Amino acid sequence: RIREVEFEEDKEGINLSRERIQSSPIQQYFSNIKRSFLNTVRNPAYTRTRLINQLVLGLLAGLVYFKIKNDKDELQNKSGALFFLVTTFAFASIFTQANTIPAELPVVKREYQNGMYSTLSYLLSKVLCEIPFIILLPLVQMTVCYFMIGLRKKAEAFFISVVACEGITFAATGVGLFISAWAGDVRIASAVAAPACK
C-alpha cells in the first residue's frame, strides 16, 4: 500500500533535499525515458489519433487551398495557406502537451518525494520521447498538403518547409510543456493554453 505524502512547501515550491535522490542522473534519465517510451507504446490509440489528426489537417489544408497559382493575385491565398499550416502545428502541439504533466503529477510527486529521480531528468525524458512525434507529424502533414496546395515543386523547398514546421512544432511543444508544468492542473492548463496560442 502506498502512503500519501505531505509536501513541505515554501515560497519557491517544494522544499526537499537533494540527498534523497539515490540513483545517478544517467540512471534517472534512462529509467524515465524507458517509462515514457513504454507509456507511448502501451497506448497505440494515442499515437494513431495524433497521426490521423495530422493526416486530416493536411488533407483539409490541401483541399481548401487546392492548386493555388503562382501569380501575384494568389499571393494572399498562399499566405493564408502557410498561416493555416503554422497555426495547426502550434495549436496541436501546445494543446497535446498542456495536459501531460498534470495527468501524471500525483505519481511524479510521490516518486520525487521518495527520491527516485529529479525533476530535470523527468522533464528531459518527456522532451526526448516527443522528438519522434516532432519529426514525424509535420512530415506527414506537409507530405499530404504541400503538393496539393501547389507550393514550389522542388525537393529543396519541400524539405525546408518540413524543417521549418518541425521547428515550429518543437517550440510549441516546449510552450505546451511549460504550461503543463506551471499549471499543475488539467483545467488550468487547458484554460491557459488557448491564449498562449495567440
Protein backbone atom coordinates (compact mmCIF):
# COMPACT_ATOMS: atom_id res chain seq x y z
CA ARG A 1 0.00 0.00 0.00
CA ILE A 2 1.31 3.44 -0.94
CA ARG A 3 1.11 6.03 1.75
CA GLU A 4 0.13 9.60 0.98
CA VAL A 5 2.99 12.07 1.21
CA GLU A 6 2.60 15.57 2.52
CA PHE A 7 4.81 18.13 0.82
CA GLU A 8 6.51 20.86 2.77
CA GLU A 9 6.31 23.98 0.63
CA ASP A 10 7.99 27.33 0.83
CA LYS A 11 7.98 30.41 -1.44
CA GLU A 12 9.98 28.60 -4.12
CA GLY A 13 7.82 25.46 -4.21
CA ILE A 14 8.55 22.02 -2.86
CA ASN A 15 11.32 22.06 -0.27
CA LEU A 16 13.18 18.74 -0.46
CA SER A 17 16.86 17.93 -0.01
CA ARG A 18 18.92 16.68 -2.96
CA GLU A 19 20.49 13.89 -0.89
CA ARG A 20 17.26 11.88 -1.11
CA ILE A 21 17.79 11.05 -4.80
CA GLN A 22 19.59 7.72 -4.70
CA SER A 23 20.44 6.96 -8.33
CA SER A 24 22.83 8.70 -10.70
CA PRO A 25 21.46 11.31 -13.15
CA ILE A 26 22.12 8.94 -16.08
CA GLN A 27 20.14 6.12 -14.41
CA GLN A 28 17.29 8.53 -13.62
CA TYR A 29 17.25 9.82 -17.16
CA PHE A 30 17.21 6.38 -18.81
CA SER A 31 14.60 4.96 -16.45
CA ASN A 32 12.33 7.94 -17.18
CA ILE A 33 12.92 7.60 -20.93
CA LYS A 34 12.06 3.90 -20.70
CA ARG A 35 8.85 4.66 -18.81
CA SER A 36 7.80 7.43 -21.21
CA PHE A 37 8.54 5.21 -24.19
CA LEU A 38 6.59 2.30 -22.67
CA ASN A 39 3.65 4.62 -21.96
CA THR A 40 3.63 5.62 -25.62
CA VAL A 41 3.94 2.02 -26.85
CA ARG A 42 1.23 0.79 -24.48
CA ASN A 43 -1.17 3.41 -25.77
CA PRO A 44 -1.20 2.98 -29.56
CA ALA A 45 -4.54 4.79 -29.80
CA TYR A 46 -2.77 7.99 -28.69
CA THR A 47 -0.17 7.67 -31.46
CA ARG A 48 -2.78 6.69 -34.05
CA THR A 49 -5.02 9.61 -33.08
CA ARG A 50 -2.19 12.12 -33.44
CA LEU A 51 -1.21 10.66 -36.81
CA ILE A 52 -4.80 10.66 -38.12
CA ASN A 53 -5.23 14.21 -36.83
CA GLN A 54 -2.23 15.38 -38.88
CA LEU A 55 -3.42 13.49 -41.97
CA VAL A 56 -6.89 15.05 -41.75
CA LEU A 57 -5.49 18.55 -41.17
CA GLY A 58 -3.10 18.12 -44.11
CA LEU A 59 -5.92 16.89 -46.34
CA LEU A 60 -8.15 19.77 -45.19
CA ALA A 61 -5.44 22.34 -45.93
CA GLY A 62 -4.81 20.72 -49.31
CA LEU A 63 -8.48 20.79 -50.24
CA VAL A 64 -9.16 24.34 -49.04
CA TYR A 65 -6.09 25.76 -50.80
CA PHE A 66 -6.04 23.30 -53.72
CA LYS A 67 -3.66 24.21 -56.56
CA ILE A 68 -3.03 27.87 -55.81
CA LYS A 69 -1.44 29.53 -58.84
CA ASN A 70 1.93 31.25 -58.75
CA ASP A 71 0.89 34.79 -59.56
CA LYS A 72 0.58 37.97 -57.53
CA ASP A 73 -3.24 37.71 -57.35
CA GLU A 74 -2.96 34.40 -55.47
CA LEU A 75 -0.22 35.61 -53.09
CA GLN A 76 -2.70 36.29 -50.29
CA ASN A 77 -4.10 32.75 -50.64
CA LYS A 78 -0.60 31.29 -50.32
CA SER A 79 -0.01 33.41 -47.23
CA GLY A 80 -3.29 32.12 -45.82
CA ALA A 81 -2.26 28.52 -46.50
CA LEU A 82 1.08 29.00 -44.76
CA PHE A 83 -0.63 30.72 -41.82
CA PHE A 84 -3.09 27.81 -41.55
CA LEU A 85 -0.24 25.29 -41.50
CA VAL A 86 1.73 27.20 -38.87
CA THR A 87 -1.28 27.59 -36.58
CA THR A 88 -2.27 23.92 -36.88
CA PHE A 89 1.23 22.82 -35.89
CA ALA A 90 1.32 25.26 -32.98
CA PHE A 91 -2.19 24.55 -31.66
CA ALA A 92 -1.85 20.77 -31.95
CA SER A 93 1.47 20.72 -30.12
CA ILE A 94 0.54 23.15 -27.34
CA PHE A 95 -2.79 21.50 -26.56
CA THR A 96 -1.34 17.98 -26.69
CA GLN A 97 1.41 18.84 -24.20
CA ALA A 98 -0.59 21.13 -21.93
CA ASN A 99 -2.32 18.20 -20.25
CA THR A 100 0.55 15.71 -19.96
CA ILE A 101 2.21 16.72 -16.68
CA PRO A 102 -0.98 17.44 -14.69
CA ALA A 103 -2.22 13.95 -15.57
CA GLU A 104 0.98 12.39 -14.20
CA LEU A 105 1.59 14.84 -11.35
CA PRO A 106 0.44 12.68 -8.41
CA VAL A 107 2.79 9.85 -9.45
CA VAL A 108 5.66 12.23 -10.21
CA LYS A 109 5.31 13.99 -6.83
CA ARG A 110 5.28 10.69 -4.98
CA GLU A 111 8.30 9.34 -6.84
CA TYR A 112 10.18 12.62 -6.42
CA GLN A 113 9.39 12.60 -2.70
CA ASN A 114 10.72 9.02 -2.47
CA GLY A 115 13.98 10.13 -4.12
CA MET A 116 13.59 8.11 -7.30
CA TYR A 117 14.57 10.89 -9.71
CA SER A 118 14.95 14.64 -10.12
CA THR A 119 12.51 16.87 -11.94
CA LEU A 120 15.15 17.66 -14.57
CA SER A 121 15.51 14.01 -15.61
CA TYR A 122 11.71 13.69 -15.76
CA LEU A 123 11.29 16.76 -17.98
CA LEU A 124 14.21 15.86 -20.26
CA SER A 125 12.79 12.37 -20.77
CA LYS A 126 9.38 13.86 -21.67
CA VAL A 127 11.01 16.08 -24.30
CA LEU A 128 13.13 13.25 -25.71
CA CYS A 129 10.13 10.95 -26.09
CA GLU A 130 8.31 13.69 -28.02
CA ILE A 131 11.11 14.10 -30.59
CA PRO A 132 9.86 11.28 -32.89
CA PHE A 133 6.43 12.98 -32.97
CA ILE A 134 8.06 16.36 -33.59
CA ILE A 135 9.87 14.92 -36.62
CA LEU A 136 7.21 12.57 -37.99
CA LEU A 137 3.94 14.50 -37.66
CA PRO A 138 4.96 17.66 -39.58
CA LEU A 139 6.49 15.44 -42.26
CA VAL A 140 3.21 13.55 -42.64
CA GLN A 141 1.07 16.68 -42.79
CA MET A 142 3.38 18.50 -45.19
CA THR A 143 3.65 15.46 -47.45
CA VAL A 144 -0.13 15.39 -47.75
CA CYS A 145 -0.78 19.09 -48.31
CA TYR A 146 2.39 20.62 -49.81
CA PHE A 147 1.85 19.48 -53.39
CA MET A 148 -1.95 19.73 -53.17
CA ILE A 149 -1.61 23.42 -52.33
CA GLY A 150 0.73 23.96 -55.26
CA LEU A 151 3.75 25.28 -53.41
CA ARG A 152 7.17 25.23 -55.09
CA LYS A 153 7.81 21.86 -56.75
CA LYS A 154 11.42 21.49 -55.71
CA ALA A 155 12.71 18.93 -53.21
CA GLU A 156 14.82 21.60 -51.52
CA ALA A 157 11.81 23.87 -50.94
CA PHE A 158 9.74 20.96 -49.63
CA PHE A 159 12.37 19.89 -47.10
CA ILE A 160 12.96 23.47 -45.97
CA SER A 161 9.22 23.73 -45.32
CA VAL A 162 9.23 20.46 -43.37
CA VAL A 163 12.20 21.56 -41.24
CA ALA A 164 10.54 24.94 -40.56
CA CYS A 165 7.33 23.19 -39.48
CA GLU A 166 9.32 20.83 -37.27
CA GLY A 167 10.94 23.88 -35.64
CA ILE A 168 7.51 25.38 -35.01
CA THR A 169 6.33 22.07 -33.56
CA PHE A 170 9.39 21.82 -31.31
CA ALA A 171 8.89 25.37 -29.99
CA ALA A 172 5.16 24.81 -29.45
CA THR A 173 5.90 21.54 -27.62
CA GLY A 174 8.18 23.49 -25.29
CA VAL A 175 5.46 26.06 -24.66
CA GLY A 176 2.94 23.29 -24.01
CA LEU A 177 5.26 21.54 -21.54
CA PHE A 178 5.93 24.86 -19.80
CA ILE A 179 2.20 25.49 -19.42
CA SER A 180 1.73 21.91 -18.25
CA ALA A 181 4.45 22.16 -15.59
CA TRP A 182 3.38 25.63 -14.48
CA ALA A 183 -0.34 24.92 -14.22
CA GLY A 184 -0.27 21.60 -12.40
CA ASP A 185 -3.98 21.08 -13.12
CA VAL A 186 -5.63 19.89 -16.35
CA ARG A 187 -8.37 22.56 -16.26
CA ILE A 188 -5.94 25.41 -15.62
CA ALA A 189 -3.55 24.13 -18.31
CA SER A 190 -6.38 23.95 -20.85
CA ALA A 191 -7.54 27.46 -19.96
CA VAL A 192 -4.04 28.92 -20.25
CA ALA A 193 -3.15 27.05 -23.46
CA ALA A 194 -5.74 28.84 -25.60
CA PRO A 195 -4.40 32.40 -25.03
CA ALA A 196 -0.83 31.09 -25.31
CA CYS A 197 -1.51 30.13 -28.93
CA LYS A 198 -2.38 33.71 -29.87
